[in-house]
Amino acid sequence: MALLLAKLVVAYLLGSLSGSLLLGRLRGIDIRQSGSGNAGGTNALRVVGWRFALGVVVIDVGKGALAALLGLAPIGGTAATPFDAVTVAAACSFAAVIGHCWPVYFGFRGGKGAGTAVGAILVMAPMLAGMMVVLWLLVVASTRFVGLATVLAALGFPVFVLLAEYFGHPQADAMLVFSIAVALLIVCTHRGNLLRLWLGQEPRLGAGGKP
């Protein structure tokens, strides 16, 4: 259990390495003081540009993937933990997402968690990650609302887990729990976007304003 707890702590610390804030420090800027104030890829794209945003996405997705791999790696003998590898990977992945949203290194003010979650899902269930990305692209292409696309892709995650089960691709119970937790967290972190959508104030991609 001690090794399991250590993995969770490492995953959280890994998640706290915010791509936009790390790269921003190299350029002498704090992305949280511009645009929407969010330390995520969309705000980085609007404020700094696509090259900077690409670096942000690579780091944020990459740390999610590393957290999942950390969870899947063996941690000793059978008595080391009562949980299976997928359960540990899901827990480490969620710890990394929490770290991204509330990073200990940056005053607990981070991003919204979507990129880090996708990186973890790419490792644990690449087919489901692909389905989420396709849904995200379809919504962005049809509405140009990035926040809406992210929320719908996150809500689609548990649906896709259940569909995979239905069509003969068994998923661990931990994956369903993880998918629900991710969906709820993404809705929570995007509540500002949802409120602006309700009020008709949410800007579309390419129109400027708050992502």
C-alpha atoms as a PDB file:
ATOM      1  CA  MET A   1       0.000   0.000   0.000  1.00  0.00           C
ATOM      2  CA  ALA A   2       2.895   2.333   0.683  1.00  0.00           C
ATOM      3  CA  LEU A   3       4.090   1.915  -2.919  1.00  0.00           C
ATOM      4  CA  LEU A   4       0.568   2.553  -4.169  1.00  0.00           C
ATOM      5  CA  LEU A   5       0.318   5.783  -2.186  1.00  0.00           C
ATOM      6  CA  ALA A   6       3.738   6.786  -3.472  1.00  0.00           C
ATOM      7  CA  LYS A   7       2.528   6.282  -7.042  1.00  0.00           C
ATOM      8  CA  LEU A   8      -0.502   8.466  -6.416  1.00  0.00           C
ATOM      9  CA  VAL A   9       1.669  11.243  -4.983  1.00  0.00           C
ATOM     10  CA  VAL A  10       4.097  11.048  -7.898  1.00  0.00           C
ATOM     11  CA  ALA A  11       1.187  11.098 -10.365  1.00  0.00           C
ATOM     12  CA  TYR A  12      -0.255  14.214  -8.714  1.00  0.00           C
ATOM     13  CA  LEU A  13       3.144  15.946  -8.761  1.00  0.00           C
ATOM     14  CA  LEU A  14       3.552  14.951 -12.410  1.00  0.00           C
ATOM     15  CA  GLY A  15       0.131  16.380 -13.194  1.00  0.00           C
ATOM     16  CA  SER A  16       1.108  19.606 -11.459  1.00  0.00           C
ATOM     17  CA  LEU A  17       3.710  20.250 -14.161  1.00  0.00           C
ATOM     18  CA  SER A  18       1.481  22.559 -16.192  1.00  0.00           C
ATOM     19  CA  GLY A  19       2.631  22.869 -19.795  1.00  0.00           C
ATOM     20  CA  SER A  20       1.444  26.443 -20.290  1.00  0.00           C
ATOM     21  CA  LEU A  21       2.904  27.664 -17.015  1.00  0.00           C
ATOM     22  CA  LEU A  22       6.251  25.936 -17.496  1.00  0.00           C
ATOM     23  CA  LEU A  23       6.659  27.174 -21.066  1.00  0.00           C
ATOM     24  CA  GLY A  24       5.289  30.558 -20.036  1.00  0.00           C
ATOM     25  CA  ARG A  25       8.018  30.966 -17.452  1.00  0.00           C
ATOM     26  CA  LEU A  26      10.617  30.372 -20.146  1.00  0.00           C
ATOM     27  CA  ARG A  27       9.059  33.263 -22.081  1.00  0.00           C
ATOM     28  CA  GLY A  28       8.502  35.441 -19.026  1.00  0.00           C
ATOM     29  CA  ILE A  29       4.701  35.329 -19.165  1.00  0.00           C
ATOM     30  CA  ASP A  30       1.928  33.918 -17.005  1.00  0.00           C
ATOM     31  CA  ILE A  31      -0.856  32.680 -19.273  1.00  0.00           C
ATOM     32  CA  ARG A  32      -3.299  32.972 -16.363  1.00  0.00           C
ATOM     33  CA  GLN A  33      -3.063  36.769 -16.583  1.00  0.00           C
ATOM     34  CA  SER A  34      -4.230  36.900 -20.199  1.00  0.00           C
ATOM     35  CA  GLY A  35      -7.288  35.861 -22.159  1.00  0.00           C
ATOM     36  CA  SER A  36      -9.613  33.718 -20.082  1.00  0.00           C
ATOM     37  CA  GLY A  37      -7.039  33.275 -17.330  1.00  0.00           C
ATOM     38  CA  ASN A  38      -7.043  29.510 -17.855  1.00  0.00           C
ATOM     39  CA  ALA A  39      -3.752  27.623 -17.974  1.00  0.00           C
ATOM     40  CA  GLY A  40      -4.786  25.394 -20.872  1.00  0.00           C
ATOM     41  CA  GLY A  41      -4.095  24.807 -24.532  1.00  0.00           C
ATOM     42  CA  THR A  42      -7.036  26.795 -25.919  1.00  0.00           C
ATOM     43  CA  ASN A  43      -6.129  29.941 -23.995  1.00  0.00           C
ATOM     44  CA  ALA A  44      -2.485  29.449 -24.977  1.00  0.00           C
ATOM     45  CA  LEU A  45      -3.554  29.287 -28.626  1.00  0.00           C
ATOM     46  CA  ARG A  46      -5.624  32.463 -28.379  1.00  0.00           C
ATOM     47  CA  VAL A  47      -3.050  34.474 -26.438  1.00  0.00           C
ATOM     48  CA  VAL A  48       0.377  33.277 -27.611  1.00  0.00           C
ATOM     49  CA  GLY A  49      -0.070  31.279 -30.800  1.00  0.00           C
ATOM     50  CA  TRP A  50      -0.182  27.768 -32.194  1.00  0.00           C
ATOM     51  CA  ARG A  51       3.474  26.839 -31.636  1.00  0.00           C
ATOM     52  CA  PHE A  52       3.245  27.659 -27.950  1.00  0.00           C
ATOM     53  CA  ALA A  53      -0.137  25.914 -27.710  1.00  0.00           C
ATOM     54  CA  LEU A  54       1.254  22.798 -29.409  1.00  0.00           C
ATOM     55  CA  GLY A  55       4.012  22.595 -26.805  1.00  0.00           C
ATOM     56  CA  VAL A  56       1.418  22.993 -24.058  1.00  0.00           C
ATOM     57  CA  VAL A  57      -0.720  20.178 -25.469  1.00  0.00           C
ATOM     58  CA  VAL A  58       2.269  17.843 -25.862  1.00  0.00           C
ATOM     59  CA  ILE A  59       3.280  18.352 -22.226  1.00  0.00           C
ATOM     60  CA  ASP A  60      -0.247  18.094 -20.815  1.00  0.00           C
ATOM     61  CA  VAL A  61      -1.190  15.017 -22.835  1.00  0.00           C
ATOM     62  CA  GLY A  62       2.219  13.479 -22.234  1.00  0.00           C
ATOM     63  CA  LYS A  63       2.062  13.754 -18.464  1.00  0.00           C
ATOM     64  CA  GLY A  64      -1.349  12.068 -18.473  1.00  0.00           C
ATOM     65  CA  ALA A  65       0.113   9.205 -20.491  1.00  0.00           C
ATOM     66  CA  LEU A  66       3.078   8.947 -18.110  1.00  0.00           C
ATOM     67  CA  ALA A  67       0.758   8.852 -15.101  1.00  0.00           C
ATOM     68  CA  ALA A  68      -1.189   5.953 -16.638  1.00  0.00           C
ATOM     69  CA  LEU A  69       2.026   4.108 -17.445  1.00  0.00           C
ATOM     70  CA  LEU A  70       3.192   4.666 -13.884  1.00  0.00           C
ATOM     71  CA  GLY A  71       0.003   3.069 -12.643  1.00  0.00           C
ATOM     72  CA  LEU A  72       0.335   0.094 -14.985  1.00  0.00           C
ATOM     73  CA  ALA A  73       3.957  -0.588 -14.024  1.00  0.00           C
ATOM     74  CA  PRO A  74       4.475  -3.461 -11.544  1.00  0.00           C
ATOM     75  CA  ILE A  75       5.001  -2.316  -7.960  1.00  0.00           C
ATOM     76  CA  GLY A  76       6.245  -5.469  -6.352  1.00  0.00           C
ATOM     77  CA  GLY A  77       4.784  -8.809  -5.362  1.00  0.00           C
ATOM     78  CA  THR A  78       1.137  -9.759  -5.128  1.00  0.00           C
ATOM     79  CA  ALA A  79       0.954  -8.430  -1.570  1.00  0.00           C
ATOM     80  CA  ALA A  80       2.109  -4.953  -2.660  1.00  0.00           C
ATOM     81  CA  THR A  81      -1.448  -3.849  -3.407  1.00  0.00           C
ATOM     82  CA  PRO A  82      -4.895  -5.446  -3.355  1.00  0.00           C
ATOM     83  CA  PHE A  83      -5.804  -3.627  -6.583  1.00  0.00           C
ATOM     84  CA  ASP A  84      -5.273  -4.717 -10.185  1.00  0.00           C
ATOM     85  CA  ALA A  85      -3.102  -2.739 -12.596  1.00  0.00           C
ATOM     86  CA  VAL A  86      -6.010  -1.030 -14.380  1.00  0.00           C
ATOM     87  CA  THR A  87      -7.434   0.218 -11.085  1.00  0.00           C
ATOM     88  CA  VAL A  88      -4.054   1.620 -10.043  1.00  0.00           C
ATOM     89  CA  ALA A  89      -3.595   3.197 -13.481  1.00  0.00           C
ATOM     90  CA  ALA A  90      -7.031   4.812 -13.290  1.00  0.00           C
ATOM     91  CA  ALA A  91      -6.287   6.173  -9.818  1.00  0.00           C
ATOM     92  CA  CYS A  92      -2.895   7.543 -10.896  1.00  0.00           C
ATOM     93  CA  SER A  93      -4.432   9.069 -14.014  1.00  0.00           C
ATOM     94  CA  PHE A  94      -7.103  10.846 -12.014  1.00  0.00           C
ATOM     95  CA  ALA A  95      -4.457  12.066  -9.549  1.00  0.00           C
ATOM     96  CA  ALA A  96      -2.574  13.581 -12.486  1.00  0.00           C
ATOM     97  CA  VAL A  97      -5.729  15.297 -13.749  1.00  0.00           C
ATOM     98  CA  ILE A  98      -6.314  16.718 -10.276  1.00  0.00           C
ATOM     99  CA  GLY A  99      -2.712  17.913 -10.269  1.00  0.00           C
ATOM    100  CA  HIS A 100      -3.234  19.662 -13.595  1.00  0.00           C
ATOM    101  CA  CYS A 101      -6.333  21.456 -12.333  1.00  0.00           C
ATOM    102  CA  TRP A 102      -4.852  22.333  -8.934  1.00  0.00           C
ATOM    103  CA  PRO A 103      -1.037  22.272  -9.342  1.00  0.00           C
ATOM    104  CA  VAL A 104       0.957  22.449  -6.145  1.00  0.00           C
ATOM    105  CA  TYR A 105       3.805  24.261  -7.940  1.00  0.00           C
ATOM    106  CA  PHE A 106       1.625  27.110  -9.210  1.00  0.00           C
ATOM    107  CA  GLY A 107      -0.586  28.130  -6.312  1.00  0.00           C
ATOM    108  CA  PHE A 108      -3.216  25.479  -7.095  1.00  0.00           C
ATOM    109  CA  ARG A 109      -4.394  27.453 -10.146  1.00  0.00           C
ATOM    110  CA  GLY A 110      -4.103  25.310 -13.249  1.00  0.00           C
ATOM    111  CA  GLY A 111      -6.033  24.200 -16.295  1.00  0.00           C
ATOM    112  CA  LYS A 112      -9.254  22.292 -16.824  1.00  0.00           C
ATOM    113  CA  GLY A 113      -7.862  18.770 -17.077  1.00  0.00           C
ATOM    114  CA  ALA A 114      -9.024  17.617 -20.511  1.00  0.00           C
ATOM    115  CA  GLY A 115      -5.632  17.189 -22.184  1.00  0.00           C
ATOM    116  CA  THR A 116      -4.164  15.280 -19.263  1.00  0.00           C
ATOM    117  CA  ALA A 117      -7.204  13.010 -19.124  1.00  0.00           C
ATOM    118  CA  VAL A 118      -6.942  12.267 -22.849  1.00  0.00           C
ATOM    119  CA  GLY A 119      -3.269  11.361 -22.476  1.00  0.00           C
ATOM    120  CA  ALA A 120      -4.129   8.850 -19.765  1.00  0.00           C
ATOM    121  CA  ILE A 121      -7.015   7.370 -21.761  1.00  0.00           C
ATOM    122  CA  LEU A 122      -4.753   6.973 -24.805  1.00  0.00           C
ATOM    123  CA  VAL A 123      -2.617   4.606 -22.750  1.00  0.00           C
ATOM    124  CA  MET A 124      -5.395   2.717 -20.951  1.00  0.00           C
ATOM    125  CA  ALA A 125      -8.007   2.534 -23.716  1.00  0.00           C
ATOM    126  CA  PRO A 126      -6.804   3.966 -27.047  1.00  0.00           C
ATOM    127  CA  MET A 127     -10.016   2.976 -28.850  1.00  0.00           C
ATOM    128  CA  LEU A 128     -12.116   4.978 -26.384  1.00  0.00           C
ATOM    129  CA  ALA A 129      -9.713   7.908 -26.636  1.00  0.00           C
ATOM    130  CA  GLY A 130     -10.093   7.846 -30.408  1.00  0.00           C
ATOM    131  CA  MET A 131     -13.876   7.918 -30.118  1.00  0.00           C
ATOM    132  CA  MET A 132     -13.666  10.902 -27.769  1.00  0.00           C
ATOM    133  CA  VAL A 133     -11.341  12.784 -30.113  1.00  0.00           C
ATOM    134  CA  VAL A 134     -13.640  12.141 -33.081  1.00  0.00           C
ATOM    135  CA  LEU A 135     -16.639  13.416 -31.108  1.00  0.00           C
ATOM    136  CA  TRP A 136     -14.644  16.479 -30.020  1.00  0.00           C
ATOM    137  CA  LEU A 137     -13.624  17.237 -33.613  1.00  0.00           C
ATOM    138  CA  LEU A 138     -17.185  16.844 -34.887  1.00  0.00           C
ATOM    139  CA  VAL A 139     -18.562  19.260 -32.291  1.00  0.00           C
ATOM    140  CA  VAL A 140     -15.788  21.813 -32.859  1.00  0.00           C
ATOM    141  CA  ALA A 141     -16.237  21.591 -36.637  1.00  0.00           C
ATOM    142  CA  SER A 142     -19.992  22.066 -36.410  1.00  0.00           C
ATOM    143  CA  THR A 143     -20.200  24.678 -33.635  1.00  0.00           C
ATOM    144  CA  ARG A 144     -16.680  26.084 -33.110  1.00  0.00           C
ATOM    145  CA  PHE A 145     -17.333  25.955 -29.359  1.00  0.00           C
ATOM    146  CA  VAL A 146     -14.231  24.315 -27.875  1.00  0.00           C
ATOM    147  CA  GLY A 147     -15.611  24.221 -24.336  1.00  0.00           C
ATOM    148  CA  LEU A 148     -18.828  22.566 -25.466  1.00  0.00           C
ATOM    149  CA  ALA A 149     -16.891  20.015 -27.502  1.00  0.00           C
ATOM    150  CA  THR A 150     -14.711  19.168 -24.507  1.00  0.00           C
ATOM    151  CA  VAL A 151     -17.681  18.731 -22.178  1.00  0.00           C
ATOM    152  CA  LEU A 152     -19.560  16.541 -24.665  1.00  0.00           C
ATOM    153  CA  ALA A 153     -16.463  14.399 -25.298  1.00  0.00           C
ATOM    154  CA  ALA A 154     -16.023  13.949 -21.548  1.00  0.00           C
ATOM    155  CA  LEU A 155     -19.688  13.029 -21.090  1.00  0.00           C
ATOM    156  CA  GLY A 156     -19.298  10.617 -23.968  1.00  0.00           C
ATOM    157  CA  PHE A 157     -16.457   8.808 -22.181  1.00  0.00           C
ATOM    158  CA  PRO A 158     -18.634   6.711 -19.824  1.00  0.00           C
ATOM    159  CA  VAL A 159     -21.106   6.133 -22.657  1.00  0.00           C
ATOM    160  CA  PHE A 160     -18.304   4.769 -24.836  1.00  0.00           C
ATOM    161  CA  VAL A 161     -17.138   2.514 -21.991  1.00  0.00           C
ATOM    162  CA  LEU A 162     -20.637   1.031 -21.739  1.00  0.00           C
ATOM    163  CA  LEU A 163     -20.916   0.683 -25.523  1.00  0.00           C
ATOM    164  CA  ALA A 164     -17.588  -1.146 -25.632  1.00  0.00           C
ATOM    165  CA  GLU A 165     -18.931  -3.558 -23.024  1.00  0.00           C
ATOM    166  CA  TYR A 166     -22.139  -4.044 -24.998  1.00  0.00           C
ATOM    167  CA  PHE A 167     -20.287  -4.867 -28.213  1.00  0.00           C
ATOM    168  CA  GLY A 168     -18.062  -7.466 -26.590  1.00  0.00           C
ATOM    169  CA  HIS A 169     -15.031  -5.449 -25.506  1.00  0.00           C
ATOM    170  CA  PRO A 170     -14.965  -5.937 -21.717  1.00  0.00           C
ATOM    171  CA  GLN A 171     -13.830  -2.941 -19.669  1.00  0.00           C
ATOM    172  CA  ALA A 172     -12.623  -3.036 -16.081  1.00  0.00           C
ATOM    173  CA  ASP A 173     -14.981  -1.627 -13.477  1.00  0.00           C
ATOM    174  CA  ALA A 174     -12.253   0.873 -12.653  1.00  0.00           C
ATOM    175  CA  MET A 175     -12.483   2.265 -16.193  1.00  0.00           C
ATOM    176  CA  LEU A 176     -16.181   3.014 -15.795  1.00  0.00           C
ATOM    177  CA  VAL A 177     -15.576   4.693 -12.425  1.00  0.00           C
ATOM    178  CA  PHE A 178     -12.691   6.669 -13.916  1.00  0.00           C
ATOM    179  CA  SER A 179     -14.801   7.732 -16.889  1.00  0.00           C
ATOM    180  CA  ILE A 180     -17.602   9.004 -14.662  1.00  0.00           C
ATOM    181  CA  ALA A 181     -15.137  10.848 -12.413  1.00  0.00           C
ATOM    182  CA  VAL A 182     -13.476  12.486 -15.422  1.00  0.00           C
ATOM    183  CA  ALA A 183     -16.826  13.488 -16.921  1.00  0.00           C
ATOM    184  CA  LEU A 184     -17.985  15.107 -13.674  1.00  0.00           C
ATOM    185  CA  LEU A 185     -14.677  16.922 -13.203  1.00  0.00           C
ATOM    186  CA  ILE A 186     -14.631  18.267 -16.768  1.00  0.00           C
ATOM    187  CA  VAL A 187     -18.191  19.552 -16.393  1.00  0.00           C
ATOM    188  CA  CYS A 188     -17.141  21.239 -13.149  1.00  0.00           C
ATOM    189  CA  THR A 189     -14.024  22.882 -14.596  1.00  0.00           C
ATOM    190  CA  HIS A 190     -15.993  24.060 -17.653  1.00  0.00           C
ATOM    191  CA  ARG A 191     -18.933  25.473 -15.707  1.00  0.00           C
ATOM    192  CA  GLY A 192     -17.947  28.990 -16.777  1.00  0.00           C
ATOM    193  CA  ASN A 193     -18.085  27.936 -20.429  1.00  0.00           C
ATOM    194  CA  LEU A 194     -21.469  26.325 -19.898  1.00  0.00           C
ATOM    195  CA  LEU A 195     -22.823  29.439 -18.201  1.00  0.00           C
ATOM    196  CA  ARG A 196     -21.619  31.642 -21.076  1.00  0.00           C
ATOM    197  CA  LEU A 197     -23.200  29.236 -23.556  1.00  0.00           C
ATOM    198  CA  TRP A 198     -26.486  29.518 -21.678  1.00  0.00           C
ATOM    199  CA  LEU A 199     -26.245  33.316 -21.741  1.00  0.00           C
ATOM    200  CA  GLY A 200     -25.186  33.391 -25.394  1.00  0.00           C
ATOM    201  CA  GLN A 201     -21.826  34.920 -24.501  1.00  0.00           C
ATOM    202  CA  GLU A 202     -19.448  32.052 -25.280  1.00  0.00           C
ATOM    203  CA  PRO A 203     -17.091  33.007 -28.130  1.00  0.00           C
ATOM    204  CA  ARG A 204     -16.470  30.582 -30.977  1.00  0.00           C
ATOM    205  CA  LEU A 205     -13.044  29.348 -31.962  1.00  0.00           C
ATOM    206  CA  GLY A 206     -11.345  32.025 -34.006  1.00  0.00           C
ATOM    207  CA  ALA A 207     -13.559  34.794 -32.637  1.00  0.00           C
ATOM    208  CA  GLY A 208     -11.349  35.776 -29.682  1.00  0.00           C
ATOM    209  CA  GLY A 209     -12.393  36.093 -26.058  1.00  0.00           C
ATOM    210  CA  LYS A 210     -12.665  33.464 -23.350  1.00  0.00           C
ATOM    211  CA  PRO A 211     -12.094  29.817 -24.341  1.00  0.00           C
END
